Each structure stands twice: as C-alpha cells, then as structure tokens.
Amino acid sequence: MAKLILLLLAIAAMFIFTVPAYSFASYAVTNLNTTVVLNQNTSAQVTEVLTLRVSNSSVNQYETDRLALNLTLSTWQSLVGPLLVQHIINPKSGIYDFKFLPGPLIPSYYADNAGMAKLMMTYYVNNATTVTETAPRTFVYSFNRNVFNFEHAMSGEVLPSNTTLNIIIPEGSKLKSIYPVPDAPISNFTSGYANTTTFSWFDGEPLSKFTFVFVIQQSLGAEVTSFFATLYNTLGIFSYIILGVVIAGFILYAYLRSGR
C-alpha cells in the first residue's frame, strides 16, 4: 500500500512539473466589441476586441504569453476560453486574412491589483451580404444573418452580456429596413437614419430575426469603372487589346466620315 501511494505521488509530481505554466493563468473576458464593415463586393471586414481581466497572480504570465512567438490561437483559447474563437461570424462563411494581436497589459486598481488587456482579432469574411440590382445602377444589399455565431438562448441567437455589435455600411448608402431597432445612434431614429453609416446593438438584443437592408445608388462613372474592372478580371490583359481595337475603330470611323 505504501508503495502504491508513493507511486501515485510520483505520477502527480510528474504531471505538475510537465503541465505548461500558462495553463494556470487566470484570464476573464469582461467585454466584447465587434465591428463589421460591409463592402460593396458582399464581403466584410470584422474587428473583434475582447477586454480581459488578468488576475494579480497571472500578470507576469500574461506578459510572457503576449511576447511568446510559439503560442497558437488554440493555446490562447485554452487560456481565455471559448469566447476567443466563438467569433461573431460563422467560420463556415469563409474567413480569411486572420490576424490576432494581444495588447499590452494596463494596470488597474481592483482589490487584487489585477490588470486589463485587450485582445484584437481582425479578419475578412465572404458572403456577409447578398446583393440584387433592382434598377439601373440601384443595388439592394441584405445582411446574411446565417453568418452570425453568437450564443443561443430559448428565443434563438442573442447578443451575450457585455457585448456590442457595430455594423458600418459604405458611404452614400441608404438604409431600407432594420430589425431590431439599433441601440445607437438614438437621435437618428426619427429621421429614418438618414446619412447614418454606423449602427450599434448592445447585449441582450435578439438576433434570430435580424434584418438589415441598405441601398446603394451607383453613379454613372462608377458603373463605367465597374464595367472595365469586370472586363479586366474576366479577360485579363486581352481586355486592353480589345479596348485598343475599339478606340482605333472609332478613330478610323471618325476619320473616314470627316473625309467625305
């Protein structure tokens, strides 16, 4: 029996000294602020900022973790918890160009002299919206709520506690419909959010029936530019050759008419 106890103690000692130090760190997420910038090509740039409260006993460990070059996102998830990778945007939507930046520790004055830090994640996502051309140079964009990846309550998806969602639309866009009513800006509600490009919702807002539709009226110059950009993307360098032939043909036609 004594040998068995000694063996168990030896195994326990091995476990204690082989587990990485960061597994004992104490980090707690106190706030999540997410900003989604919608682009005209239906993609979106997402910036998520998590505010962490670092316990007094883990301040030095956070500084070490932040400067470490070999810590993966999975490692940080083990430190912070599932909120770190439970993005606002569903990964199935096609996330790319992901960047993760742990910020510096800012001393605070809680009872245990803990510190605060911000973890920033930026990435792009495809198909954040769908677009329909309803008239010449008039495009209606609808937000794809299936890309949300927030927590689920009895009523469906909701914004968690201490969470802010911001959506920014391109300059010149006009809001067509929105639900639920944004928590900010409050003052723009009576004007139908005219000339408003940033909309914010705070924790507790239901998202299961989220609706966000806006309209972009494209100028004639933008339409011409878009046409040639599409032509180049389709034909590559040959688009310049085709354009040169068309211009040369127009010049030749004008010359022949002037010679009559």
Protein backbone atom coordinates (compact mmCIF):
# COMPACT_ATOMS: atom_id res chain seq x y z
CA MET A 1 0.00 0.00 0.00
CA ALA A 2 2.82 2.38 0.89
CA LYS A 3 4.49 1.65 -2.46
CA LEU A 4 1.23 2.40 -4.29
CA ILE A 5 0.89 5.75 -2.50
CA LEU A 6 4.48 6.66 -3.35
CA LEU A 7 3.86 5.72 -6.98
CA LEU A 8 0.76 7.92 -7.17
CA LEU A 9 2.62 10.82 -5.59
CA ALA A 10 5.42 10.43 -8.12
CA ILE A 11 2.95 10.45 -11.02
CA ALA A 12 1.23 13.54 -9.60
CA ALA A 13 4.57 15.32 -9.27
CA MET A 14 5.43 14.47 -12.87
CA PHE A 15 2.09 15.91 -14.01
CA ILE A 16 2.55 19.13 -12.06
CA PHE A 17 6.01 19.79 -13.43
CA THR A 18 5.20 18.89 -17.03
CA VAL A 19 1.99 20.95 -17.47
CA PRO A 20 2.86 24.31 -19.15
CA ALA A 21 2.80 27.29 -16.83
CA TYR A 22 0.22 29.16 -18.91
CA SER A 23 -2.45 26.58 -18.07
CA PHE A 24 -2.63 28.08 -14.56
CA ALA A 25 -3.15 31.64 -15.80
CA SER A 26 -6.41 33.34 -14.83
CA TYR A 27 -7.89 35.49 -17.59
CA ALA A 28 -11.55 36.54 -17.69
CA VAL A 29 -13.35 38.19 -20.62
CA THR A 30 -15.22 41.28 -19.37
CA ASN A 31 -16.31 42.83 -22.69
CA LEU A 32 -16.58 42.03 -26.40
CA ASN A 33 -16.83 44.76 -29.01
CA THR A 34 -17.33 43.65 -32.60
CA THR A 35 -17.31 45.90 -35.66
CA VAL A 36 -18.40 44.65 -39.08
CA VAL A 37 -17.56 46.88 -42.06
CA LEU A 38 -19.70 45.84 -45.03
CA ASN A 39 -18.16 46.15 -48.51
CA GLN A 40 -19.87 46.55 -51.87
CA ASN A 41 -18.48 43.21 -53.08
CA THR A 42 -20.57 41.43 -50.34
CA SER A 43 -17.51 40.75 -48.17
CA ALA A 44 -16.96 42.25 -44.72
CA GLN A 45 -14.00 43.25 -42.58
CA VAL A 46 -14.50 42.17 -38.98
CA THR A 47 -12.67 43.53 -35.93
CA GLU A 48 -13.27 41.90 -32.56
CA VAL A 49 -11.82 43.39 -29.39
CA LEU A 50 -12.01 41.31 -26.20
CA THR A 51 -11.25 43.04 -22.92
CA LEU A 52 -9.53 40.71 -20.45
CA ARG A 53 -9.18 40.99 -16.72
CA VAL A 54 -5.91 39.41 -15.68
CA SER A 55 -5.65 38.29 -12.07
CA ASN A 56 -2.80 39.56 -9.94
CA SER A 57 -1.19 36.12 -9.87
CA SER A 58 -1.25 35.96 -13.69
CA VAL A 59 0.10 39.40 -14.59
CA ASN A 60 3.64 38.18 -15.18
CA GLN A 61 2.34 35.14 -17.03
CA TYR A 62 0.30 37.33 -19.40
CA GLU A 63 3.37 39.39 -20.25
CA THR A 64 5.21 36.16 -21.04
CA ASP A 65 2.34 34.78 -23.12
CA ARG A 66 1.98 38.02 -25.06
CA LEU A 67 5.63 38.07 -26.10
CA ALA A 68 5.84 34.35 -26.87
CA LEU A 69 6.17 33.56 -30.56
CA ASN A 70 5.08 29.93 -30.36
CA LEU A 71 1.61 30.39 -28.84
CA THR A 72 -1.11 29.42 -31.28
CA LEU A 73 -4.72 30.56 -31.29
CA SER A 74 -5.63 27.21 -29.77
CA THR A 75 -3.24 27.89 -26.90
CA TRP A 76 -4.82 31.28 -26.26
CA GLN A 77 -8.23 29.64 -26.34
CA SER A 78 -7.13 27.31 -23.56
CA LEU A 79 -6.18 30.40 -21.56
CA VAL A 80 -9.17 32.62 -22.29
CA GLY A 81 -11.98 30.16 -23.04
CA PRO A 82 -14.36 29.56 -25.97
CA LEU A 83 -15.22 33.26 -26.35
CA LEU A 84 -11.86 33.76 -28.04
CA VAL A 85 -12.76 31.68 -31.09
CA GLN A 86 -16.54 31.93 -30.96
CA HIS A 87 -16.47 34.72 -33.48
CA ILE A 88 -19.44 36.85 -34.37
CA ILE A 89 -19.03 35.46 -37.87
CA ASN A 90 -19.53 31.77 -38.54
CA PRO A 91 -16.28 30.23 -39.86
CA LYS A 92 -18.33 28.32 -42.46
CA SER A 93 -18.88 31.65 -44.22
CA GLY A 94 -15.27 31.68 -45.37
CA ILE A 95 -12.88 33.58 -43.10
CA TYR A 96 -9.52 34.72 -44.47
CA ASP A 97 -6.59 37.01 -43.68
CA PHE A 98 -6.98 36.36 -39.94
CA LYS A 99 -4.79 38.33 -37.54
CA PHE A 100 -4.59 38.03 -33.75
CA LEU A 101 -2.95 40.76 -31.65
CA PRO A 102 -2.74 40.52 -27.82
CA GLY A 103 -2.40 44.07 -26.47
CA PRO A 104 -0.27 45.42 -23.62
CA LEU A 105 -1.31 44.97 -20.00
CA ILE A 106 -2.83 48.08 -18.42
CA PRO A 107 -2.63 48.22 -14.60
CA SER A 108 -5.96 48.61 -12.82
CA TYR A 109 -6.89 49.15 -9.22
CA TYR A 110 -9.09 46.25 -8.22
CA ALA A 111 -8.71 44.73 -4.77
CA ASP A 112 -6.22 42.21 -6.09
CA ASN A 113 -4.35 44.79 -8.24
CA ALA A 114 -5.30 42.95 -11.44
CA GLY A 115 -4.52 44.27 -14.90
CA MET A 116 -6.62 44.77 -18.01
CA ALA A 117 -5.66 43.88 -21.57
CA LYS A 118 -7.29 43.88 -24.99
CA LEU A 119 -7.09 41.03 -27.48
CA MET A 120 -7.77 42.13 -31.05
CA MET A 121 -8.79 39.84 -33.88
CA THR A 122 -9.24 41.07 -37.44
CA TYR A 123 -10.34 39.04 -40.44
CA TYR A 124 -12.39 39.15 -43.62
CA VAL A 125 -15.45 37.07 -44.41
CA ASN A 126 -17.16 36.27 -47.70
CA ASN A 127 -20.89 36.46 -48.40
CA ALA A 128 -21.75 38.69 -45.44
CA THR A 129 -24.45 40.18 -47.65
CA THR A 130 -26.41 39.32 -50.78
CA VAL A 131 -26.96 41.93 -53.48
CA THR A 132 -29.70 42.42 -56.07
CA GLU A 133 -29.81 45.02 -58.85
CA THR A 134 -33.41 46.27 -58.72
CA ALA A 135 -33.00 49.07 -61.27
CA PRO A 136 -30.20 50.54 -63.43
CA ARG A 137 -27.32 51.34 -61.04
CA THR A 138 -29.51 50.58 -57.97
CA PHE A 139 -28.25 47.76 -55.74
CA VAL A 140 -30.07 46.39 -52.68
CA TYR A 141 -27.88 44.66 -50.06
CA SER A 142 -29.30 42.28 -47.43
CA PHE A 143 -27.26 41.12 -44.46
CA ASN A 144 -26.92 37.35 -44.25
CA ARG A 145 -27.85 36.60 -40.64
CA ASN A 146 -26.71 32.99 -41.07
CA VAL A 147 -23.14 34.23 -40.64
CA PHE A 148 -23.81 35.15 -37.00
CA ASN A 149 -22.18 32.88 -34.45
CA PHE A 150 -23.41 34.27 -31.13
CA GLU A 151 -24.73 32.28 -28.19
CA HIS A 152 -28.20 30.74 -28.33
CA ALA A 153 -30.99 31.34 -25.81
CA MET A 154 -34.51 29.92 -25.65
CA SER A 155 -35.68 32.51 -28.19
CA GLY A 156 -32.74 31.94 -30.53
CA GLU A 157 -29.47 33.77 -31.08
CA VAL A 158 -28.83 36.81 -28.83
CA LEU A 159 -26.03 39.22 -28.05
CA PRO A 160 -24.27 37.96 -24.90
CA SER A 161 -23.76 40.09 -21.80
CA ASN A 162 -21.25 42.95 -22.09
CA THR A 163 -21.24 42.69 -25.87
CA THR A 164 -21.56 45.40 -28.51
CA LEU A 165 -22.21 44.79 -32.20
CA ASN A 166 -21.42 47.59 -34.67
CA ILE A 167 -22.25 47.45 -38.39
CA ILE A 168 -20.83 50.04 -40.77
CA ILE A 169 -22.17 50.45 -44.32
CA PRO A 170 -20.46 52.21 -47.26
CA GLU A 171 -20.66 55.99 -47.51
CA GLY A 172 -23.65 57.15 -49.53
CA SER A 173 -25.75 54.08 -48.66
CA LYS A 174 -29.39 54.46 -47.64
CA LEU A 175 -30.96 52.26 -45.01
CA LYS A 176 -34.07 50.44 -46.24
CA SER A 177 -35.07 48.20 -43.31
CA ILE A 178 -33.62 47.20 -39.96
CA TYR A 179 -34.58 44.95 -37.03
CA PRO A 180 -34.17 45.07 -34.11
CA VAL A 181 -34.02 48.86 -33.75
CA PRO A 182 -30.40 49.85 -33.03
CA ASP A 183 -29.46 50.98 -29.54
CA ALA A 184 -27.34 53.70 -31.13
CA PRO A 185 -27.48 56.26 -32.59
CA ILE A 186 -30.75 57.03 -30.77
CA SER A 187 -31.06 60.57 -32.16
CA ASN A 188 -31.22 59.35 -35.78
CA PHE A 189 -34.32 57.18 -35.28
CA THR A 190 -36.82 59.96 -36.06
CA SER A 191 -35.06 60.81 -39.34
CA GLY A 192 -35.09 57.21 -40.54
CA TYR A 193 -31.30 57.06 -40.01
CA ALA A 194 -30.66 59.42 -42.92
CA ASN A 195 -26.93 59.94 -43.55
CA THR A 196 -26.14 57.28 -40.91
CA THR A 197 -23.45 54.71 -41.65
CA THR A 198 -22.76 53.17 -38.21
CA PHE A 199 -25.36 51.18 -36.25
CA SER A 200 -24.85 49.59 -32.82
CA TRP A 201 -26.63 46.98 -30.70
CA PHE A 202 -25.85 46.17 -27.07
CA ASP A 203 -26.07 42.98 -25.00
CA GLY A 204 -29.37 41.14 -24.82
CA GLU A 205 -30.64 42.10 -28.27
CA PRO A 206 -32.34 39.20 -30.13
CA LEU A 207 -30.73 38.24 -33.42
CA SER A 208 -32.83 35.28 -34.58
CA LYS A 209 -34.88 37.60 -36.84
CA PHE A 210 -32.11 40.10 -37.53
CA THR A 211 -32.83 42.19 -40.64
CA PHE A 212 -30.50 44.74 -42.19
CA VAL A 213 -31.10 46.02 -45.74
CA PHE A 214 -29.49 49.02 -47.40
CA VAL A 215 -29.42 50.50 -50.91
CA ILE A 216 -26.51 51.86 -52.93
CA GLN A 217 -27.21 54.11 -55.92
CA GLN A 218 -24.19 53.78 -58.18
CA SER A 219 -23.06 56.80 -60.19
CA LEU A 220 -22.58 56.57 -63.96
CA GLY A 221 -18.83 56.97 -63.58
CA ALA A 222 -18.71 54.16 -61.01
CA GLU A 223 -20.74 51.96 -63.36
CA VAL A 224 -18.25 52.52 -66.20
CA THR A 225 -15.33 51.82 -63.87
CA SER A 226 -17.02 48.67 -62.59
CA PHE A 227 -17.64 47.50 -66.16
CA PHE A 228 -13.99 47.80 -67.15
CA ALA A 229 -12.86 46.22 -63.86
CA THR A 230 -15.13 43.24 -64.53
CA LEU A 231 -13.88 43.05 -68.10
CA TYR A 232 -10.27 43.01 -66.92
CA ASN A 233 -10.95 40.37 -64.27
CA THR A 234 -12.58 38.20 -66.94
CA LEU A 235 -10.20 38.70 -69.88
CA GLY A 236 -7.02 39.93 -68.20
CA ILE A 237 -4.52 41.68 -70.48
CA PHE A 238 -6.68 40.92 -73.52
CA SER A 239 -9.19 43.49 -72.27
CA TYR A 240 -6.67 46.24 -73.08
CA ILE A 241 -6.21 44.84 -76.56
CA ILE A 242 -9.97 44.77 -77.12
CA LEU A 243 -10.29 48.32 -75.78
CA GLY A 244 -7.46 49.48 -78.07
CA VAL A 245 -9.15 47.91 -81.10
CA VAL A 246 -12.46 49.60 -80.23
CA ILE A 247 -10.78 53.02 -79.84
CA ALA A 248 -8.82 52.55 -83.06
CA GLY A 249 -12.01 51.57 -84.87
CA PHE A 250 -13.80 54.64 -83.54
CA ILE A 251 -10.95 56.92 -84.65
CA LEU A 252 -10.88 55.31 -88.10
CA TYR A 253 -14.64 55.69 -88.43
CA ALA A 254 -14.50 59.37 -87.45
CA TYR A 255 -11.63 59.95 -89.91
CA LEU A 256 -13.47 58.32 -92.81
CA ARG A 257 -16.62 60.34 -92.09
CA SER A 258 -14.68 63.58 -91.96
CA GLY A 259 -13.09 62.81 -95.34
CA ARG A 260 -16.40 62.66 -97.15
